[in-house]
Amino acid sequence: DRSKIKMLRIANSNFGLLKQDVEIAKFIKELRDKSGY
């Protein structure tokens, strides 16, 4: 809603290390499919 930059930089050196990362990825995918972001 607030950023002019449409690329998302996840400041995480080990994305996928934690189980919750898969749910976060699903959320990002669904958000992109709905909104383009």
ModelCIF file with pLDDT and N, C-alpha, C, O atoms, coordinates in Angstrom:
data_MODEL
#
_entry.id   MODEL 
#
_entity.id                         1 
_entity.type                       polymer 
_entity.pdbx_number_of_molecules   1 
#
_entity_poly.entity_id                      1 
_entity_poly.type                           'polypeptide(L)' 
_entity_poly.nstd_linkage                   no 
_entity_poly.nstd_monomer                   no 
_entity_poly.pdbx_seq_one_letter_code       DRSKIKMLRIANSNFGLLKQDVEIAKFIKELRDKSGY 
_entity_poly.pdbx_seq_one_letter_code_can   DRSKIKMLRIANSNFGLLKQDVEIAKFIKELRDKSGY 
_entity_poly.pdbx_strand_id                 A 
#
loop_
_entity_poly_seq.entity_id 
_entity_poly_seq.num 
_entity_poly_seq.mon_id 
_entity_poly_seq.hetero 
1 1  ASP n 
1 2  ARG n 
1 3  SER n 
1 4  LYS n 
1 5  ILE n 
1 6  LYS n 
1 7  MET n 
1 8  LEU n 
1 9  ARG n 
1 10 ILE n 
1 11 ALA n 
1 12 ASN n 
1 13 SER n 
1 14 ASN n 
1 15 PHE n 
1 16 GLY n 
1 17 LEU n 
1 18 LEU n 
1 19 LYS n 
1 20 GLN n 
1 21 ASP n 
1 22 VAL n 
1 23 GLU n 
1 24 ILE n 
1 25 ALA n 
1 26 LYS n 
1 27 PHE n 
1 28 ILE n 
1 29 LYS n 
1 30 GLU n 
1 31 LEU n 
1 32 ARG n 
1 33 ASP n 
1 34 LYS n 
1 35 SER n 
1 36 GLY n 
1 37 TYR n 
#
_struct_asym.id          A 
_struct_asym.entity_id   1 
#
loop_
_ma_qa_metric.id 
_ma_qa_metric.mode 
_ma_qa_metric.name 
_ma_qa_metric.software_group_id 
_ma_qa_metric.type 
1 global pLDDT . pLDDT 
2 local  pLDDT . pLDDT 
#
_ma_qa_metric_global.metric_id      1 
_ma_qa_metric_global.metric_value   88.68 
_ma_qa_metric_global.model_id       1 
_ma_qa_metric_global.ordinal_id     1 
#
loop_
_ma_qa_metric_local.label_asym_id 
_ma_qa_metric_local.label_comp_id 
_ma_qa_metric_local.label_seq_id 
_ma_qa_metric_local.metric_id 
_ma_qa_metric_local.metric_value 
_ma_qa_metric_local.model_id 
_ma_qa_metric_local.ordinal_id 
A ASP 1  2 96.00 1 1  
A ARG 2  2 95.00 1 2  
A SER 3  2 93.00 1 3  
A LYS 4  2 93.00 1 4  
A ILE 5  2 92.00 1 5  
A LYS 6  2 93.00 1 6  
A MET 7  2 92.00 1 7  
A LEU 8  2 92.00 1 8  
A ARG 9  2 88.00 1 9  
A ILE 10 2 84.00 1 10 
A ALA 11 2 78.00 1 11 
A ASN 12 2 74.00 1 12 
A SER 13 2 73.00 1 13 
A ASN 14 2 75.00 1 14 
A PHE 15 2 81.00 1 15 
A GLY 16 2 79.00 1 16 
A LEU 17 2 78.00 1 17 
A LEU 18 2 80.00 1 18 
A LYS 19 2 84.00 1 19 
A GLN 20 2 87.00 1 20 
A ASP 21 2 87.00 1 21 
A VAL 22 2 86.00 1 22 
A GLU 23 2 91.00 1 23 
A ILE 24 2 91.00 1 24 
A ALA 25 2 89.00 1 25 
A LYS 26 2 92.00 1 26 
A PHE 27 2 95.00 1 27 
A ILE 28 2 93.00 1 28 
A LYS 29 2 92.00 1 29 
A GLU 30 2 94.00 1 30 
A LEU 31 2 96.00 1 31 
A ARG 32 2 94.00 1 32 
A ASP 33 2 93.00 1 33 
A LYS 34 2 96.00 1 34 
A SER 35 2 96.00 1 35 
A GLY 36 2 94.00 1 36 
A TYR 37 2 95.00 1 37 
#
loop_
_atom_site.group_PDB 
_atom_site.id 
_atom_site.type_symbol 
_atom_site.label_atom_id 
_atom_site.label_alt_id 
_atom_site.label_comp_id 
_atom_site.label_asym_id 
_atom_site.label_entity_id 
_atom_site.label_seq_id 
_atom_site.pdbx_PDB_ins_code 
_atom_site.Cartn_x 
_atom_site.Cartn_y 
_atom_site.Cartn_z 
_atom_site.occupancy 
_atom_site.B_iso_or_equiv 
_atom_site.pdbx_formal_charge 
_atom_site.auth_seq_id 
_atom_site.auth_comp_id 
_atom_site.auth_asym_id 
_atom_site.auth_atom_id 
_atom_site.pdbx_PDB_model_num 
ATOM 1   N N  . ASP A 1 1  ? 0.795  -1.225  0.000  1.00 96.00 ? 1  ASP A N  1 
ATOM 2   C CA . ASP A 1 1  ? 0.000  0.000   0.000  1.00 96.00 ? 1  ASP A CA 1 
ATOM 3   C C  . ASP A 1 1  ? 0.829  1.278   0.000  1.00 96.00 ? 1  ASP A C  1 
ATOM 4   O O  . ASP A 1 1  ? 0.377  2.303   -0.508 1.00 96.00 ? 1  ASP A O  1 
ATOM 5   N N  . ARG A 1 2  ? 2.038  1.233   0.562  1.00 95.00 ? 2  ARG A N  1 
ATOM 6   C CA . ARG A 1 2  ? 2.782  2.479   0.773  1.00 95.00 ? 2  ARG A CA 1 
ATOM 7   C C  . ARG A 1 2  ? 4.033  2.645   -0.083 1.00 95.00 ? 2  ARG A C  1 
ATOM 8   O O  . ARG A 1 2  ? 4.494  3.767   -0.293 1.00 95.00 ? 2  ARG A O  1 
ATOM 9   N N  . SER A 1 3  ? 4.582  1.549   -0.574 1.00 93.00 ? 3  SER A N  1 
ATOM 10  C CA . SER A 1 3  ? 5.858  1.654   -1.279 1.00 93.00 ? 3  SER A CA 1 
ATOM 11  C C  . SER A 1 3  ? 5.655  1.860   -2.777 1.00 93.00 ? 3  SER A C  1 
ATOM 12  O O  . SER A 1 3  ? 4.768  1.262   -3.387 1.00 93.00 ? 3  SER A O  1 
ATOM 13  N N  . LYS A 1 4  ? 6.488  2.713   -3.353 1.00 93.00 ? 4  LYS A N  1 
ATOM 14  C CA . LYS A 1 4  ? 6.471  2.888   -4.804 1.00 93.00 ? 4  LYS A CA 1 
ATOM 15  C C  . LYS A 1 4  ? 7.231  1.764   -5.499 1.00 93.00 ? 4  LYS A C  1 
ATOM 16  O O  . LYS A 1 4  ? 7.071  1.549   -6.700 1.00 93.00 ? 4  LYS A O  1 
ATOM 17  N N  . ILE A 1 5  ? 8.050  1.058   -4.748 1.00 92.00 ? 5  ILE A N  1 
ATOM 18  C CA . ILE A 1 5  ? 8.850  -0.044  -5.300 1.00 92.00 ? 5  ILE A CA 1 
ATOM 19  C C  . ILE A 1 5  ? 7.997  -1.307  -5.293 1.00 92.00 ? 5  ILE A C  1 
ATOM 20  O O  . ILE A 1 5  ? 7.464  -1.694  -4.252 1.00 92.00 ? 5  ILE A O  1 
ATOM 21  N N  . LYS A 1 6  ? 7.871  -1.934  -6.420 1.00 93.00 ? 6  LYS A N  1 
ATOM 22  C CA . LYS A 1 6  ? 6.982  -3.090  -6.551 1.00 93.00 ? 6  LYS A CA 1 
ATOM 23  C C  . LYS A 1 6  ? 7.704  -4.430  -6.415 1.00 93.00 ? 6  LYS A C  1 
ATOM 24  O O  . LYS A 1 6  ? 7.077  -5.489  -6.444 1.00 93.00 ? 6  LYS A O  1 
ATOM 25  N N  . MET A 1 7  ? 9.018  -4.371  -6.269 1.00 92.00 ? 7  MET A N  1 
ATOM 26  C CA . MET A 1 7  ? 9.781  -5.590  -5.988 1.00 92.00 ? 7  MET A CA 1 
ATOM 27  C C  . MET A 1 7  ? 9.859  -5.760  -4.475 1.00 92.00 ? 7  MET A C  1 
ATOM 28  O O  . MET A 1 7  ? 10.120 -4.795  -3.757 1.00 92.00 ? 7  MET A O  1 
ATOM 29  N N  . LEU A 1 8  ? 9.639  -6.961  -3.992 1.00 92.00 ? 8  LEU A N  1 
ATOM 30  C CA . LEU A 1 8  ? 9.701  -7.251  -2.557 1.00 92.00 ? 8  LEU A CA 1 
ATOM 31  C C  . LEU A 1 8  ? 11.046 -7.873  -2.229 1.00 92.00 ? 8  LEU A C  1 
ATOM 32  O O  . LEU A 1 8  ? 11.384 -8.941  -2.740 1.00 92.00 ? 8  LEU A O  1 
ATOM 33  N N  . ARG A 1 9  ? 11.805 -7.213  -1.384 1.00 88.00 ? 9  ARG A N  1 
ATOM 34  C CA . ARG A 1 9  ? 13.097 -7.750  -0.929 1.00 88.00 ? 9  ARG A CA 1 
ATOM 35  C C  . ARG A 1 9  ? 12.886 -8.310  0.463  1.00 88.00 ? 9  ARG A C  1 
ATOM 36  O O  . ARG A 1 9  ? 12.625 -7.565  1.407  1.00 88.00 ? 9  ARG A O  1 
ATOM 37  N N  . ILE A 1 10 ? 13.000 -9.622  0.591  1.00 84.00 ? 10 ILE A N  1 
ATOM 38  C CA . ILE A 1 10 ? 12.835 -10.269 1.888  1.00 84.00 ? 10 ILE A CA 1 
ATOM 39  C C  . ILE A 1 10 ? 14.208 -10.345 2.546  1.00 84.00 ? 10 ILE A C  1 
ATOM 40  O O  . ILE A 1 10 ? 15.095 -11.059 2.080  1.00 84.00 ? 10 ILE A O  1 
ATOM 41  N N  . ALA A 1 11 ? 14.367 -9.601  3.631  1.00 78.00 ? 11 ALA A N  1 
ATOM 42  C CA . ALA A 1 11 ? 15.667 -9.497  4.304  1.00 78.00 ? 11 ALA A CA 1 
ATOM 43  C C  . ALA A 1 11 ? 15.870 -10.721 5.187  1.00 78.00 ? 11 ALA A C  1 
ATOM 44  O O  . ALA A 1 11 ? 15.740 -10.659 6.409  1.00 78.00 ? 11 ALA A O  1 
ATOM 45  N N  . ASN A 1 12 ? 16.186 -11.816 4.547  1.00 74.00 ? 12 ASN A N  1 
ATOM 46  C CA . ASN A 1 12 ? 16.282 -13.093 5.221  1.00 74.00 ? 12 ASN A CA 1 
ATOM 47  C C  . ASN A 1 12 ? 17.342 -13.909 4.488  1.00 74.00 ? 12 ASN A C  1 
ATOM 48  O O  . ASN A 1 12 ? 17.236 -14.146 3.284  1.00 74.00 ? 12 ASN A O  1 
ATOM 49  N N  . SER A 1 13 ? 18.341 -14.325 5.210  1.00 73.00 ? 13 SER A N  1 
ATOM 50  C CA . SER A 1 13 ? 19.437 -15.053 4.566  1.00 73.00 ? 13 SER A CA 1 
ATOM 51  C C  . SER A 1 13 ? 19.132 -16.520 4.318  1.00 73.00 ? 13 SER A C  1 
ATOM 52  O O  . SER A 1 13 ? 19.883 -17.191 3.611  1.00 73.00 ? 13 SER A O  1 
ATOM 53  N N  . ASN A 1 14 ? 18.047 -17.031 4.883  1.00 75.00 ? 14 ASN A N  1 
ATOM 54  C CA . ASN A 1 14 ? 17.754 -18.465 4.799  1.00 75.00 ? 14 ASN A CA 1 
ATOM 55  C C  . ASN A 1 14 ? 16.259 -18.713 4.650  1.00 75.00 ? 14 ASN A C  1 
ATOM 56  O O  . ASN A 1 14 ? 15.665 -19.419 5.465  1.00 75.00 ? 14 ASN A O  1 
ATOM 57  N N  . PHE A 1 15 ? 15.644 -18.136 3.614  1.00 81.00 ? 15 PHE A N  1 
ATOM 58  C CA . PHE A 1 15 ? 14.210 -18.319 3.420  1.00 81.00 ? 15 PHE A CA 1 
ATOM 59  C C  . PHE A 1 15 ? 13.946 -19.784 3.086  1.00 81.00 ? 15 PHE A C  1 
ATOM 60  O O  . PHE A 1 15 ? 14.530 -20.336 2.154  1.00 81.00 ? 15 PHE A O  1 
ATOM 61  N N  . GLY A 1 16 ? 13.068 -20.396 3.850  1.00 79.00 ? 16 GLY A N  1 
ATOM 62  C CA . GLY A 1 16 ? 12.783 -21.825 3.720  1.00 79.00 ? 16 GLY A CA 1 
ATOM 63  C C  . GLY A 1 16 ? 13.294 -22.616 4.904  1.00 79.00 ? 16 GLY A C  1 
ATOM 64  O O  . GLY A 1 16 ? 12.971 -23.794 5.052  1.00 79.00 ? 16 GLY A O  1 
ATOM 65  N N  . LEU A 1 17 ? 14.087 -21.982 5.747  1.00 78.00 ? 17 LEU A N  1 
ATOM 66  C CA . LEU A 1 17 ? 14.620 -22.670 6.928  1.00 78.00 ? 17 LEU A CA 1 
ATOM 67  C C  . LEU A 1 17 ? 13.504 -23.005 7.916  1.00 78.00 ? 17 LEU A C  1 
ATOM 68  O O  . LEU A 1 17 ? 13.526 -24.062 8.546  1.00 78.00 ? 17 LEU A O  1 
ATOM 69  N N  . LEU A 1 18 ? 12.526 -22.101 8.051  1.00 80.00 ? 18 LEU A N  1 
ATOM 70  C CA . LEU A 1 18 ? 11.430 -22.282 9.000  1.00 80.00 ? 18 LEU A CA 1 
ATOM 71  C C  . LEU A 1 18 ? 10.169 -22.760 8.290  1.00 80.00 ? 18 LEU A C  1 
ATOM 72  O O  . LEU A 1 18 ? 9.931  -22.411 7.134  1.00 80.00 ? 18 LEU A O  1 
ATOM 73  N N  . LYS A 1 19 ? 9.363  -23.560 8.985  1.00 84.00 ? 19 LYS A N  1 
ATOM 74  C CA . LYS A 1 19 ? 8.144  -24.104 8.391  1.00 84.00 ? 19 LYS A CA 1 
ATOM 75  C C  . LYS A 1 19 ? 7.196  -23.003 7.938  1.00 84.00 ? 19 LYS A C  1 
ATOM 76  O O  . LYS A 1 19 ? 6.516  -23.150 6.922  1.00 84.00 ? 19 LYS A O  1 
ATOM 77  N N  . GLN A 1 20 ? 7.143  -21.902 8.681  1.00 87.00 ? 20 GLN A N  1 
ATOM 78  C CA . GLN A 1 20 ? 6.203  -20.832 8.338  1.00 87.00 ? 20 GLN A CA 1 
ATOM 79  C C  . GLN A 1 20 ? 6.543  -20.155 7.016  1.00 87.00 ? 20 GLN A C  1 
ATOM 80  O O  . GLN A 1 20 ? 5.691  -19.481 6.438  1.00 87.00 ? 20 GLN A O  1 
ATOM 81  N N  . ASP A 1 21 ? 7.774  -20.321 6.522  1.00 87.00 ? 21 ASP A N  1 
ATOM 82  C CA . ASP A 1 21 ? 8.170  -19.670 5.280  1.00 87.00 ? 21 ASP A CA 1 
ATOM 83  C C  . ASP A 1 21 ? 7.345  -20.145 4.088  1.00 87.00 ? 21 ASP A C  1 
ATOM 84  O O  . ASP A 1 21 ? 7.115  -19.379 3.152  1.00 87.00 ? 21 ASP A O  1 
ATOM 85  N N  . VAL A 1 22 ? 6.898  -21.407 4.114  1.00 86.00 ? 22 VAL A N  1 
ATOM 86  C CA . VAL A 1 22 ? 6.078  -21.928 3.015  1.00 86.00 ? 22 VAL A CA 1 
ATOM 87  C C  . VAL A 1 22 ? 4.727  -21.216 3.001  1.00 86.00 ? 22 VAL A C  1 
ATOM 88  O O  . VAL A 1 22 ? 4.221  -20.865 1.934  1.00 86.00 ? 22 VAL A O  1 
ATOM 89  N N  . GLU A 1 23 ? 4.146  -21.003 4.171  1.00 91.00 ? 23 GLU A N  1 
ATOM 90  C CA . GLU A 1 23 ? 2.867  -20.288 4.238  1.00 91.00 ? 23 GLU A CA 1 
ATOM 91  C C  . GLU A 1 23 ? 3.029  -18.833 3.779  1.00 91.00 ? 23 GLU A C  1 
ATOM 92  O O  . GLU A 1 23 ? 2.152  -18.283 3.114  1.00 91.00 ? 23 GLU A O  1 
ATOM 93  N N  . ILE A 1 24 ? 4.146  -18.228 4.136  1.00 91.00 ? 24 ILE A N  1 
ATOM 94  C CA . ILE A 1 24 ? 4.420  -16.856 3.695  1.00 91.00 ? 24 ILE A CA 1 
ATOM 95  C C  . ILE A 1 24 ? 4.539  -16.810 2.173  1.00 91.00 ? 24 ILE A C  1 
ATOM 96  O O  . ILE A 1 24 ? 4.031  -15.889 1.533  1.00 91.00 ? 24 ILE A O  1 
ATOM 97  N N  . ALA A 1 25 ? 5.209  -17.801 1.599  1.00 89.00 ? 25 ALA A N  1 
ATOM 98  C CA . ALA A 1 25 ? 5.342  -17.862 0.138  1.00 89.00 ? 25 ALA A CA 1 
ATOM 99  C C  . ALA A 1 25 ? 3.974  -18.007 -0.527 1.00 89.00 ? 25 ALA A C  1 
ATOM 100 O O  . ALA A 1 25 ? 3.714  -17.370 -1.548 1.00 89.00 ? 25 ALA A O  1 
ATOM 101 N N  . LYS A 1 26 ? 3.098  -18.837 0.040  1.00 92.00 ? 26 LYS A N  1 
ATOM 102 C CA . LYS A 1 26 ? 1.746  -18.990 -0.511 1.00 92.00 ? 26 LYS A CA 1 
ATOM 103 C C  . LYS A 1 26 ? 0.994  -17.668 -0.455 1.00 92.00 ? 26 LYS A C  1 
ATOM 104 O O  . LYS A 1 26 ? 0.288  -17.307 -1.397 1.00 92.00 ? 26 LYS A O  1 
ATOM 105 N N  . PHE A 1 27 ? 1.146  -16.956 0.640  1.00 95.00 ? 27 PHE A N  1 
ATOM 106 C CA . PHE A 1 27 ? 0.493  -15.658 0.790  1.00 95.00 ? 27 PHE A CA 1 
ATOM 107 C C  . PHE A 1 27 ? 0.978  -14.679 -0.284 1.00 95.00 ? 27 PHE A C  1 
ATOM 108 O O  . PHE A 1 27 ? 0.178  -13.979 -0.904 1.00 95.00 ? 27 PHE A O  1 
ATOM 109 N N  . ILE A 1 28 ? 2.295  -14.639 -0.494 1.00 93.00 ? 28 ILE A N  1 
ATOM 110 C CA . ILE A 1 28 ? 2.862  -13.736 -1.503 1.00 93.00 ? 28 ILE A CA 1 
ATOM 111 C C  . ILE A 1 28 ? 2.340  -14.094 -2.894 1.00 93.00 ? 28 ILE A C  1 
ATOM 112 O O  . ILE A 1 28 ? 1.985  -13.209 -3.673 1.00 93.00 ? 28 ILE A O  1 
ATOM 113 N N  . LYS A 1 29 ? 2.295  -15.371 -3.200 1.00 92.00 ? 29 LYS A N  1 
ATOM 114 C CA . LYS A 1 29 ? 1.804  -15.825 -4.504 1.00 92.00 ? 29 LYS A CA 1 
ATOM 115 C C  . LYS A 1 29 ? 0.343  -15.424 -4.705 1.00 92.00 ? 29 LYS A C  1 
ATOM 116 O O  . LYS A 1 29 ? -0.022 -14.911 -5.763 1.00 92.00 ? 29 LYS A O  1 
ATOM 117 N N  . GLU A 1 30 ? -0.497 -15.657 -3.687 1.00 94.00 ? 30 GLU A N  1 
ATOM 118 C CA . GLU A 1 30 ? -1.911 -15.302 -3.787 1.00 94.00 ? 30 GLU A CA 1 
ATOM 119 C C  . GLU A 1 30 ? -2.087 -13.792 -3.920 1.00 94.00 ? 30 GLU A C  1 
ATOM 120 O O  . GLU A 1 30 ? -2.928 -13.329 -4.691 1.00 94.00 ? 30 GLU A O  1 
ATOM 121 N N  . LEU A 1 31 ? -1.294 -13.021 -3.168 1.00 96.00 ? 31 LEU A N  1 
ATOM 122 C CA . LEU A 1 31 ? -1.357 -11.566 -3.243 1.00 96.00 ? 31 LEU A CA 1 
ATOM 123 C C  . LEU A 1 31 ? -0.979 -11.079 -4.638 1.00 96.00 ? 31 LEU A C  1 
ATOM 124 O O  . LEU A 1 31 ? -1.631 -10.195 -5.193 1.00 96.00 ? 31 LEU A O  1 
ATOM 125 N N  . ARG A 1 32 ? 0.068  -11.656 -5.194 1.00 94.00 ? 32 ARG A N  1 
ATOM 126 C CA . ARG A 1 32 ? 0.495  -11.260 -6.543 1.00 94.00 ? 32 ARG A CA 1 
ATOM 127 C C  . ARG A 1 32 ? -0.567 -11.606 -7.574 1.00 94.00 ? 32 ARG A C  1 
ATOM 128 O O  . ARG A 1 32 ? -0.836 -10.810 -8.474 1.00 94.00 ? 32 ARG A O  1 
ATOM 129 N N  . ASP A 1 33 ? -1.180 -12.794 -7.455 1.00 93.00 ? 33 ASP A N  1 
ATOM 130 C CA . ASP A 1 33 ? -2.218 -13.201 -8.401 1.00 93.00 ? 33 ASP A CA 1 
ATOM 131 C C  . ASP A 1 33 ? -3.427 -12.266 -8.345 1.00 93.00 ? 33 ASP A C  1 
ATOM 132 O O  . ASP A 1 33 ? -4.055 -11.999 -9.370 1.00 93.00 ? 33 ASP A O  1 
ATOM 133 N N  . LYS A 1 34 ? -3.755 -11.765 -7.140 1.00 96.00 ? 34 LYS A N  1 
ATOM 134 C CA . LYS A 1 34 ? -4.917 -10.891 -6.962 1.00 96.00 ? 34 LYS A CA 1 
ATOM 135 C C  . LYS A 1 34 ? -4.632 -9.432  -7.310 1.00 96.00 ? 34 LYS A C  1 
ATOM 136 O O  . LYS A 1 34 ? -5.461 -8.754  -7.916 1.00 96.00 ? 34 LYS A O  1 
ATOM 137 N N  . SER A 1 35 ? -3.438 -8.953  -6.914 1.00 96.00 ? 35 SER A N  1 
ATOM 138 C CA . SER A 1 35 ? -3.195 -7.512  -6.971 1.00 96.00 ? 35 SER A CA 1 
ATOM 139 C C  . SER A 1 35 ? -2.053 -7.088  -7.906 1.00 96.00 ? 35 SER A C  1 
ATOM 140 O O  . SER A 1 35 ? -1.945 -5.912  -8.254 1.00 96.00 ? 35 SER A O  1 
ATOM 141 N N  . GLY A 1 36 ? -1.205 -8.037  -8.312 1.00 94.00 ? 36 GLY A N  1 
ATOM 142 C CA . GLY A 1 36 ? -0.030 -7.685  -9.106 1.00 94.00 ? 36 GLY A CA 1 
ATOM 143 C C  . GLY A 1 36 ? 1.185  -7.321  -8.274 1.00 94.00 ? 36 GLY A C  1 
ATOM 144 O O  . GLY A 1 36 ? 2.268  -7.098  -8.813 1.00 94.00 ? 36 GLY A O  1 
ATOM 145 N N  . TYR A 1 37 ? 1.006  -7.259  -6.946 1.00 95.00 ? 37 TYR A N  1 
ATOM 146 C CA . TYR A 1 37 ? 2.134  -6.959  -6.046 1.00 95.00 ? 37 TYR A CA 1 
ATOM 147 C C  . TYR A 1 37 ? 2.509  -8.225  -5.293 1.00 95.00 ? 37 TYR A C  1 
ATOM 148 O O  . TYR A 1 37 ? 3.433  -8.209  -4.480 1.00 95.00 ? 37 TYR A O  1 
#
